[in-house]
Amino acid sequence: METGLATAPSRPKRLGRIAGALRATFGLVVDVALPQLCAACREPVGDAGVCAACWSKLSFIAPPYCERLGIPFTYDPGPGILSMEAIADPPAYHRARAAVRYDDVARTLVHALKYGDRLDLAPTMGRWMATAGKPLLNDADTLVPVPLHWRRQWTRRFNQSALLAEVVAKAADVPVSYRALKRVKPTPQQVGLSAAARAQNVQGAFRVSPDGKAEVAGRRLILIDDVLTSGATMDACARALLRAGAAQVDALVFARVVAGARNPI
């Protein structure tokens, strides 16, 4: 009787191993048989994440732009010029840069990465970010991905900001701190909220943990995220890092919302 009871659990273990092997084999067959598809239009594509047609529709952000917020201008007013938004309501972070405007193709890429498990898009998106943020990265000591609350990360299984930070870190040779900043309040998603509601939503949501202060104090940090909309999340993160003694905080994202044409002040 005791022998039978001891050997009984071995059967489900064997079945589990067989099932795992079948899943691995099936995944390999699918990878070989099916071509990678463009995240935006679903046409076959190589390893770049998007096809040539969708790539041409992306609006990459390049100078001239606001020195503080990175908002593109319609003409070049000369170096160091600020936008109306930067003068009227300066953020806690020092500078912000984005690779592309948050248009239809960029939105599709962000949603595919964040909600569609298209983790293969992170290398391409991160490399574009590294190019756009090169002036910031040249001065940086550490990258800090915008954290998810542990409940949301448990549900999503990964933090897209951390994935992008890993790619940027490798391209720029700047280390990443994953424990410097914590999201301590499970805030609702920001989608659909006004600028004021976004700011209220993330108030008190971020904190530098005691064991993370050594990675913050006196350092020049760059916050990494996928999208910059109103800037409320970045602002809340920057304030938490500055309170913990950071020397400077910049922001680098894949895409930022740009509301129409902007003229310099």
C-alpha atoms as a PDB file:
ATOM      1  CA  MET A   1       0.000   0.000   0.000  1.00  0.00           C
ATOM      2  CA  GLU A   2       2.743   2.443   0.929  1.00  0.00           C
ATOM      3  CA  THR A   3       4.629   1.675  -2.297  1.00  0.00           C
ATOM      4  CA  GLY A   4       1.553   2.371  -4.391  1.00  0.00           C
ATOM      5  CA  LEU A   5       0.961   5.694  -2.668  1.00  0.00           C
ATOM      6  CA  ALA A   6       4.575   6.750  -3.178  1.00  0.00           C
ATOM      7  CA  THR A   7       4.563   6.103  -6.909  1.00  0.00           C
ATOM      8  CA  ALA A   8       1.129   7.595  -7.682  1.00  0.00           C
ATOM      9  CA  PRO A   9       2.281  11.249  -8.040  1.00  0.00           C
ATOM     10  CA  SER A  10       4.828  10.266 -10.699  1.00  0.00           C
ATOM     11  CA  ARG A  11       2.134   9.858 -13.356  1.00  0.00           C
ATOM     12  CA  PRO A  12       0.907  13.487 -13.399  1.00  0.00           C
ATOM     13  CA  LYS A  13       4.523  14.626 -13.361  1.00  0.00           C
ATOM     14  CA  ARG A  14       5.251  12.517 -16.443  1.00  0.00           C
ATOM     15  CA  LEU A  15       2.132  13.830 -18.155  1.00  0.00           C
ATOM     16  CA  GLY A  16       3.184  17.384 -17.327  1.00  0.00           C
ATOM     17  CA  ARG A  17       6.605  16.864 -18.865  1.00  0.00           C
ATOM     18  CA  ILE A  18       5.061  15.360 -22.002  1.00  0.00           C
ATOM     19  CA  ALA A  19       2.597  18.262 -22.303  1.00  0.00           C
ATOM     20  CA  GLY A  20       5.436  20.756 -21.887  1.00  0.00           C
ATOM     21  CA  ALA A  21       7.460  19.050 -24.593  1.00  0.00           C
ATOM     22  CA  LEU A  22       4.482  19.091 -26.959  1.00  0.00           C
ATOM     23  CA  ARG A  23       3.899  22.797 -26.334  1.00  0.00           C
ATOM     24  CA  ALA A  24       7.565  23.565 -26.983  1.00  0.00           C
ATOM     25  CA  THR A  25       7.553  21.505 -30.186  1.00  0.00           C
ATOM     26  CA  PHE A  26       4.314  23.081 -31.408  1.00  0.00           C
ATOM     27  CA  GLY A  27       5.698  26.552 -30.715  1.00  0.00           C
ATOM     28  CA  LEU A  28       8.820  25.792 -32.732  1.00  0.00           C
ATOM     29  CA  VAL A  29       6.726  24.529 -35.649  1.00  0.00           C
ATOM     30  CA  VAL A  30       4.576  27.661 -35.569  1.00  0.00           C
ATOM     31  CA  ASP A  31       7.633  29.921 -35.495  1.00  0.00           C
ATOM     32  CA  VAL A  32       9.095  28.184 -38.517  1.00  0.00           C
ATOM     33  CA  ALA A  33       5.872  27.824 -40.492  1.00  0.00           C
ATOM     34  CA  LEU A  34       4.369  31.270 -39.943  1.00  0.00           C
ATOM     35  CA  PRO A  35       6.180  34.481 -40.932  1.00  0.00           C
ATOM     36  CA  GLN A  36       6.421  37.379 -38.496  1.00  0.00           C
ATOM     37  CA  LEU A  37       3.733  39.964 -39.190  1.00  0.00           C
ATOM     38  CA  CYS A  38       3.877  43.738 -39.065  1.00  0.00           C
ATOM     39  CA  ALA A  39       2.429  44.865 -35.746  1.00  0.00           C
ATOM     40  CA  ALA A  40       0.483  47.647 -37.442  1.00  0.00           C
ATOM     41  CA  CYS A  41      -0.975  46.156 -40.644  1.00  0.00           C
ATOM     42  CA  ARG A  42      -0.325  42.396 -40.212  1.00  0.00           C
ATOM     43  CA  GLU A  43       1.641  42.090 -43.445  1.00  0.00           C
ATOM     44  CA  PRO A  44       4.644  39.709 -43.440  1.00  0.00           C
ATOM     45  CA  VAL A  45       7.795  41.442 -42.262  1.00  0.00           C
ATOM     46  CA  GLY A  46      11.368  40.622 -41.276  1.00  0.00           C
ATOM     47  CA  ASP A  47      12.693  41.266 -37.796  1.00  0.00           C
ATOM     48  CA  ALA A  48      12.072  45.039 -37.710  1.00  0.00           C
ATOM     49  CA  GLY A  49       8.575  44.843 -36.167  1.00  0.00           C
ATOM     50  CA  VAL A  50       6.925  47.013 -38.837  1.00  0.00           C
ATOM     51  CA  CYS A  51       6.830  46.881 -42.618  1.00  0.00           C
ATOM     52  CA  ALA A  52       8.309  49.586 -44.820  1.00  0.00           C
ATOM     53  CA  ALA A  53       4.903  51.141 -45.532  1.00  0.00           C
ATOM     54  CA  CYS A  54       4.020  51.513 -41.837  1.00  0.00           C
ATOM     55  CA  TRP A  55       7.535  52.660 -40.981  1.00  0.00           C
ATOM     56  CA  SER A  56       7.127  55.506 -43.475  1.00  0.00           C
ATOM     57  CA  LYS A  57       3.917  56.573 -41.686  1.00  0.00           C
ATOM     58  CA  LEU A  58       5.639  56.928 -38.305  1.00  0.00           C
ATOM     59  CA  SER A  59       6.269  60.561 -37.367  1.00  0.00           C
ATOM     60  CA  PHE A  60       9.756  60.577 -35.896  1.00  0.00           C
ATOM     61  CA  ILE A  61      10.471  63.596 -33.697  1.00  0.00           C
ATOM     62  CA  ALA A  62      13.602  65.543 -34.531  1.00  0.00           C
ATOM     63  CA  PRO A  63      14.760  69.151 -33.989  1.00  0.00           C
ATOM     64  CA  PRO A  64      13.477  71.801 -33.924  1.00  0.00           C
ATOM     65  CA  TYR A  65      11.633  71.138 -30.679  1.00  0.00           C
ATOM     66  CA  CYS A  66      11.134  72.637 -27.228  1.00  0.00           C
ATOM     67  CA  GLU A  67      14.364  72.212 -25.286  1.00  0.00           C
ATOM     68  CA  ARG A  68      12.420  71.342 -22.124  1.00  0.00           C
ATOM     69  CA  LEU A  69       9.486  69.204 -23.260  1.00  0.00           C
ATOM     70  CA  GLY A  70      10.654  67.922 -26.651  1.00  0.00           C
ATOM     71  CA  ILE A  71       7.465  69.168 -28.356  1.00  0.00           C
ATOM     72  CA  PRO A  72       8.249  69.656 -32.060  1.00  0.00           C
ATOM     73  CA  PHE A  73       8.060  73.154 -33.568  1.00  0.00           C
ATOM     74  CA  THR A  74       6.833  74.056 -37.037  1.00  0.00           C
ATOM     75  CA  TYR A  75       9.984  76.075 -37.746  1.00  0.00           C
ATOM     76  CA  ASP A  76      13.445  76.495 -36.222  1.00  0.00           C
ATOM     77  CA  PRO A  77      13.601  79.484 -33.833  1.00  0.00           C
ATOM     78  CA  GLY A  78      17.184  78.804 -32.769  1.00  0.00           C
ATOM     79  CA  PRO A  79      18.703  76.844 -29.875  1.00  0.00           C
ATOM     80  CA  GLY A  80      17.304  76.784 -26.352  1.00  0.00           C
ATOM     81  CA  ILE A  81      13.798  78.079 -27.167  1.00  0.00           C
ATOM     82  CA  LEU A  82      10.962  76.861 -24.953  1.00  0.00           C
ATOM     83  CA  SER A  83       7.343  76.110 -25.794  1.00  0.00           C
ATOM     84  CA  MET A  84       4.361  77.867 -24.264  1.00  0.00           C
ATOM     85  CA  GLU A  85       3.610  74.750 -22.201  1.00  0.00           C
ATOM     86  CA  ALA A  86       7.122  74.626 -20.739  1.00  0.00           C
ATOM     87  CA  ILE A  87       6.940  78.270 -19.671  1.00  0.00           C
ATOM     88  CA  ALA A  88       3.385  78.217 -18.315  1.00  0.00           C
ATOM     89  CA  ASP A  89       3.584  74.895 -16.453  1.00  0.00           C
ATOM     90  CA  PRO A  90       7.164  73.600 -16.161  1.00  0.00           C
ATOM     91  CA  PRO A  91       7.362  69.949 -15.090  1.00  0.00           C
ATOM     92  CA  ALA A  92       9.400  68.476 -12.251  1.00  0.00           C
ATOM     93  CA  TYR A  93      11.597  66.624 -14.750  1.00  0.00           C
ATOM     94  CA  HIS A  94      14.287  68.634 -16.490  1.00  0.00           C
ATOM     95  CA  ARG A  95      13.920  67.495 -20.119  1.00  0.00           C
ATOM     96  CA  ALA A  96      11.724  65.095 -22.066  1.00  0.00           C
ATOM     97  CA  ARG A  97      12.419  63.382 -25.373  1.00  0.00           C
ATOM     98  CA  ALA A  98      10.364  60.983 -27.488  1.00  0.00           C
ATOM     99  CA  ALA A  99      11.157  58.909 -30.547  1.00  0.00           C
ATOM    100  CA  VAL A 100       7.839  59.392 -32.384  1.00  0.00           C
ATOM    101  CA  ARG A 101       4.518  61.196 -32.224  1.00  0.00           C
ATOM    102  CA  TYR A 102       1.693  59.155 -30.754  1.00  0.00           C
ATOM    103  CA  ASP A 103      -0.229  58.659 -33.993  1.00  0.00           C
ATOM    104  CA  ASP A 104      -2.154  55.653 -35.350  1.00  0.00           C
ATOM    105  CA  VAL A 105       0.880  53.477 -36.143  1.00  0.00           C
ATOM    106  CA  ALA A 106       2.674  54.358 -32.899  1.00  0.00           C
ATOM    107  CA  ARG A 107      -0.502  53.614 -30.919  1.00  0.00           C
ATOM    108  CA  THR A 108      -0.770  50.218 -32.573  1.00  0.00           C
ATOM    109  CA  LEU A 109       2.844  49.402 -31.704  1.00  0.00           C
ATOM    110  CA  VAL A 110       2.408  50.470 -28.086  1.00  0.00           C
ATOM    111  CA  HIS A 111      -0.796  48.467 -27.677  1.00  0.00           C
ATOM    112  CA  ALA A 112       0.747  45.424 -29.379  1.00  0.00           C
ATOM    113  CA  LEU A 113       3.674  45.501 -26.955  1.00  0.00           C
ATOM    114  CA  LYS A 114       1.645  46.280 -23.828  1.00  0.00           C
ATOM    115  CA  TYR A 115      -1.517  44.255 -24.373  1.00  0.00           C
ATOM    116  CA  GLY A 116      -0.727  41.887 -27.265  1.00  0.00           C
ATOM    117  CA  ASP A 117       2.396  40.224 -25.853  1.00  0.00           C
ATOM    118  CA  ARG A 118       4.443  41.409 -28.847  1.00  0.00           C
ATOM    119  CA  LEU A 119       7.642  41.496 -26.794  1.00  0.00           C
ATOM    120  CA  ASP A 120       9.595  41.226 -30.049  1.00  0.00           C
ATOM    121  CA  LEU A 121       8.774  44.899 -30.671  1.00  0.00           C
ATOM    122  CA  ALA A 122      10.747  46.124 -27.648  1.00  0.00           C
ATOM    123  CA  PRO A 123      14.202  45.961 -29.311  1.00  0.00           C
ATOM    124  CA  THR A 124      13.141  48.100 -32.279  1.00  0.00           C
ATOM    125  CA  MET A 125      11.210  50.608 -30.161  1.00  0.00           C
ATOM    126  CA  GLY A 126      14.014  50.806 -27.610  1.00  0.00           C
ATOM    127  CA  ARG A 127      16.663  51.465 -30.258  1.00  0.00           C
ATOM    128  CA  TRP A 128      14.582  54.333 -31.667  1.00  0.00           C
ATOM    129  CA  MET A 129      14.325  55.728 -28.138  1.00  0.00           C
ATOM    130  CA  ALA A 130      18.091  55.491 -27.664  1.00  0.00           C
ATOM    131  CA  THR A 131      18.620  57.488 -30.837  1.00  0.00           C
ATOM    132  CA  ALA A 132      16.096  60.167 -29.847  1.00  0.00           C
ATOM    133  CA  GLY A 133      17.460  60.439 -26.310  1.00  0.00           C
ATOM    134  CA  LYS A 134      21.169  60.445 -27.098  1.00  0.00           C
ATOM    135  CA  PRO A 135      21.821  63.946 -25.647  1.00  0.00           C
ATOM    136  CA  LEU A 136      20.098  62.913 -22.407  1.00  0.00           C
ATOM    137  CA  LEU A 137      21.817  59.534 -22.272  1.00  0.00           C
ATOM    138  CA  ASN A 138      25.253  61.094 -22.668  1.00  0.00           C
ATOM    139  CA  ASP A 139      24.730  62.850 -19.303  1.00  0.00           C
ATOM    140  CA  ALA A 140      22.889  60.060 -17.464  1.00  0.00           C
ATOM    141  CA  ASP A 141      24.040  57.892 -14.576  1.00  0.00           C
ATOM    142  CA  THR A 142      21.069  55.524 -14.370  1.00  0.00           C
ATOM    143  CA  LEU A 143      17.829  54.621 -16.158  1.00  0.00           C
ATOM    144  CA  VAL A 144      14.671  54.183 -14.076  1.00  0.00           C
ATOM    145  CA  PRO A 145      11.679  52.476 -15.736  1.00  0.00           C
ATOM    146  CA  VAL A 146       8.283  53.765 -14.635  1.00  0.00           C
ATOM    147  CA  PRO A 147       7.053  50.945 -12.375  1.00  0.00           C
ATOM    148  CA  LEU A 148       3.747  49.115 -12.397  1.00  0.00           C
ATOM    149  CA  HIS A 149       1.898  48.312  -9.216  1.00  0.00           C
ATOM    150  CA  TRP A 150       2.593  44.695  -8.302  1.00  0.00           C
ATOM    151  CA  ARG A 151      -1.031  43.702  -8.917  1.00  0.00           C
ATOM    152  CA  ARG A 152      -1.010  45.027 -12.468  1.00  0.00           C
ATOM    153  CA  GLN A 153       2.385  43.509 -13.190  1.00  0.00           C
ATOM    154  CA  TRP A 154       1.121  40.186 -11.875  1.00  0.00           C
ATOM    155  CA  THR A 155      -1.784  40.382 -14.327  1.00  0.00           C
ATOM    156  CA  ARG A 156       0.258  41.606 -17.298  1.00  0.00           C
ATOM    157  CA  ARG A 157       3.288  39.407 -16.422  1.00  0.00           C
ATOM    158  CA  PHE A 158       5.806  42.078 -17.495  1.00  0.00           C
ATOM    159  CA  ASN A 159       6.478  45.808 -17.370  1.00  0.00           C
ATOM    160  CA  GLN A 160       6.806  47.248 -20.869  1.00  0.00           C
ATOM    161  CA  SER A 161       8.792  50.207 -19.522  1.00  0.00           C
ATOM    162  CA  ALA A 162      11.374  47.855 -18.024  1.00  0.00           C
ATOM    163  CA  LEU A 163      11.677  45.990 -21.339  1.00  0.00           C
ATOM    164  CA  LEU A 164      12.308  49.260 -23.181  1.00  0.00           C
ATOM    165  CA  ALA A 165      14.788  50.361 -20.503  1.00  0.00           C
ATOM    166  CA  GLU A 166      16.807  47.184 -21.003  1.00  0.00           C
ATOM    167  CA  VAL A 167      17.166  47.901 -24.718  1.00  0.00           C
ATOM    168  CA  VAL A 168      18.070  51.559 -24.180  1.00  0.00           C
ATOM    169  CA  ALA A 169      20.589  50.574 -21.495  1.00  0.00           C
ATOM    170  CA  LYS A 170      22.330  48.169 -23.837  1.00  0.00           C
ATOM    171  CA  ALA A 171      22.438  50.699 -26.683  1.00  0.00           C
ATOM    172  CA  ALA A 172      23.703  53.576 -24.516  1.00  0.00           C
ATOM    173  CA  ASP A 173      25.782  51.622 -21.987  1.00  0.00           C
ATOM    174  CA  VAL A 174      23.859  53.115 -19.049  1.00  0.00           C
ATOM    175  CA  PRO A 175      22.749  50.878 -16.145  1.00  0.00           C
ATOM    176  CA  VAL A 176      19.121  50.330 -15.134  1.00  0.00           C
ATOM    177  CA  SER A 177      17.802  50.544 -11.570  1.00  0.00           C
ATOM    178  CA  TYR A 178      14.712  48.375 -11.094  1.00  0.00           C
ATOM    179  CA  ARG A 179      14.321  48.947  -7.362  1.00  0.00           C
ATOM    180  CA  ALA A 180      14.874  52.701  -7.103  1.00  0.00           C
ATOM    181  CA  LEU A 181      11.213  53.577  -7.651  1.00  0.00           C
ATOM    182  CA  LYS A 182       8.078  51.768  -6.502  1.00  0.00           C
ATOM    183  CA  ARG A 183       4.425  52.300  -7.363  1.00  0.00           C
ATOM    184  CA  VAL A 184       2.791  52.055  -3.966  1.00  0.00           C
ATOM    185  CA  LYS A 185      -0.790  52.937  -4.944  1.00  0.00           C
ATOM    186  CA  PRO A 186      -2.816  50.821  -7.421  1.00  0.00           C
ATOM    187  CA  THR A 187      -4.090  53.709  -9.539  1.00  0.00           C
ATOM    188  CA  PRO A 188      -6.755  53.279 -12.234  1.00  0.00           C
ATOM    189  CA  GLN A 189      -5.556  53.565 -15.812  1.00  0.00           C
ATOM    190  CA  GLN A 190      -5.076  57.104 -17.111  1.00  0.00           C
ATOM    191  CA  VAL A 191      -6.861  56.529 -20.431  1.00  0.00           C
ATOM    192  CA  GLY A 192      -9.786  58.913 -20.886  1.00  0.00           C
ATOM    193  CA  LEU A 193      -8.937  61.152 -17.927  1.00  0.00           C
ATOM    194  CA  SER A 194      -8.453  64.914 -18.159  1.00  0.00           C
ATOM    195  CA  ALA A 195      -5.051  66.434 -17.382  1.00  0.00           C
ATOM    196  CA  ALA A 196      -6.235  67.480 -13.908  1.00  0.00           C
ATOM    197  CA  ALA A 197      -7.706  64.041 -13.218  1.00  0.00           C
ATOM    198  CA  ARG A 198      -4.490  62.366 -14.376  1.00  0.00           C
ATOM    199  CA  ALA A 199      -2.460  64.460 -11.948  1.00  0.00           C
ATOM    200  CA  GLN A 200      -4.854  63.663  -9.098  1.00  0.00           C
ATOM    201  CA  ASN A 201      -4.856  59.979 -10.020  1.00  0.00           C
ATOM    202  CA  VAL A 202      -1.085  59.557  -9.591  1.00  0.00           C
ATOM    203  CA  GLN A 203      -0.657  61.830  -6.583  1.00  0.00           C
ATOM    204  CA  GLY A 204       1.298  59.895  -3.949  1.00  0.00           C
ATOM    205  CA  ALA A 205       1.467  56.824  -6.180  1.00  0.00           C
ATOM    206  CA  PHE A 206       5.276  56.576  -6.352  1.00  0.00           C
ATOM    207  CA  ARG A 207       7.934  56.296  -3.687  1.00  0.00           C
ATOM    208  CA  VAL A 208      11.649  55.611  -3.474  1.00  0.00           C
ATOM    209  CA  SER A 209      12.197  52.627  -1.220  1.00  0.00           C
ATOM    210  CA  PRO A 210      14.799  52.814   1.567  1.00  0.00           C
ATOM    211  CA  ASP A 211      17.037  50.288  -0.188  1.00  0.00           C
ATOM    212  CA  GLY A 212      16.729  52.243  -3.437  1.00  0.00           C
ATOM    213  CA  LYS A 213      17.877  55.611  -2.120  1.00  0.00           C
ATOM    214  CA  ALA A 214      21.542  54.739  -2.660  1.00  0.00           C
ATOM    215  CA  GLU A 215      20.782  54.329  -6.385  1.00  0.00           C
ATOM    216  CA  VAL A 216      19.082  57.739  -6.530  1.00  0.00           C
ATOM    217  CA  ALA A 217      20.917  60.232  -4.321  1.00  0.00           C
ATOM    218  CA  GLY A 218      23.171  62.591  -6.248  1.00  0.00           C
ATOM    219  CA  ARG A 219      22.559  60.841  -9.583  1.00  0.00           C
ATOM    220  CA  ARG A 220      21.335  62.048 -12.951  1.00  0.00           C
ATOM    221  CA  LEU A 221      18.403  59.808 -13.796  1.00  0.00           C
ATOM    222  CA  ILE A 222      16.300  59.161 -16.884  1.00  0.00           C
ATOM    223  CA  LEU A 223      12.746  57.897 -16.467  1.00  0.00           C
ATOM    224  CA  ILE A 224      11.756  55.395 -19.171  1.00  0.00           C
ATOM    225  CA  ASP A 225       8.158  54.841 -20.300  1.00  0.00           C
ATOM    226  CA  ASP A 226       6.231  53.916 -23.436  1.00  0.00           C
ATOM    227  CA  VAL A 227       3.986  56.988 -23.860  1.00  0.00           C
ATOM    228  CA  LEU A 228       3.962  60.579 -22.584  1.00  0.00           C
ATOM    229  CA  THR A 229       0.465  62.072 -22.647  1.00  0.00           C
ATOM    230  CA  SER A 230      -0.167  64.844 -20.127  1.00  0.00           C
ATOM    231  CA  GLY A 231       3.104  64.191 -18.313  1.00  0.00           C
ATOM    232  CA  ALA A 232       1.345  63.588 -14.985  1.00  0.00           C
ATOM    233  CA  THR A 233       2.876  60.154 -14.401  1.00  0.00           C
ATOM    234  CA  MET A 234       6.378  61.327 -15.307  1.00  0.00           C
ATOM    235  CA  ASP A 235       5.954  64.387 -13.106  1.00  0.00           C
ATOM    236  CA  ALA A 236       4.887  62.291 -10.108  1.00  0.00           C
ATOM    237  CA  CYS A 237       7.819  59.914 -10.630  1.00  0.00           C
ATOM    238  CA  ALA A 238      10.292  62.795 -10.997  1.00  0.00           C
ATOM    239  CA  ARG A 239       9.057  64.461  -7.800  1.00  0.00           C
ATOM    240  CA  ALA A 240       9.535  61.223  -5.846  1.00  0.00           C
ATOM    241  CA  LEU A 241      13.085  60.811  -7.197  1.00  0.00           C
ATOM    242  CA  LEU A 242      14.006  64.443  -6.533  1.00  0.00           C
ATOM    243  CA  ARG A 243      12.692  64.201  -2.968  1.00  0.00           C
ATOM    244  CA  ALA A 244      15.001  61.211  -2.501  1.00  0.00           C
ATOM    245  CA  GLY A 245      17.999  63.324  -3.534  1.00  0.00           C
ATOM    246  CA  ALA A 246      18.347  62.811  -7.296  1.00  0.00           C
ATOM    247  CA  ALA A 247      20.549  65.482  -8.868  1.00  0.00           C
ATOM    248  CA  GLN A 248      18.459  65.653 -12.051  1.00  0.00           C
ATOM    249  CA  VAL A 249      15.623  63.715 -13.657  1.00  0.00           C
ATOM    250  CA  ASP A 250      14.929  63.562 -17.401  1.00  0.00           C
ATOM    251  CA  ALA A 251      12.273  61.586 -19.283  1.00  0.00           C
ATOM    252  CA  LEU A 252      12.603  59.383 -22.363  1.00  0.00           C
ATOM    253  CA  VAL A 253       9.615  57.685 -24.014  1.00  0.00           C
ATOM    254  CA  PHE A 254       8.815  55.865 -27.205  1.00  0.00           C
ATOM    255  CA  ALA A 255       5.923  58.153 -28.192  1.00  0.00           C
ATOM    256  CA  ARG A 256       4.432  61.417 -26.995  1.00  0.00           C
ATOM    257  CA  VAL A 257       1.085  63.048 -27.674  1.00  0.00           C
ATOM    258  CA  VAL A 258       1.431  66.207 -29.739  1.00  0.00           C
ATOM    259  CA  ALA A 259      -1.765  68.259 -30.047  1.00  0.00           C
ATOM    260  CA  GLY A 260      -1.526  69.981 -33.412  1.00  0.00           C
ATOM    261  CA  ALA A 261       1.210  72.286 -34.663  1.00  0.00           C
ATOM    262  CA  ARG A 262       3.367  74.145 -32.160  1.00  0.00           C
ATOM    263  CA  ASN A 263       5.062  77.496 -32.578  1.00  0.00           C
ATOM    264  CA  PRO A 264       7.866  78.607 -30.256  1.00  0.00           C
ATOM    265  CA  ILE A 265       7.447  81.437 -27.791  1.00  0.00           C
END
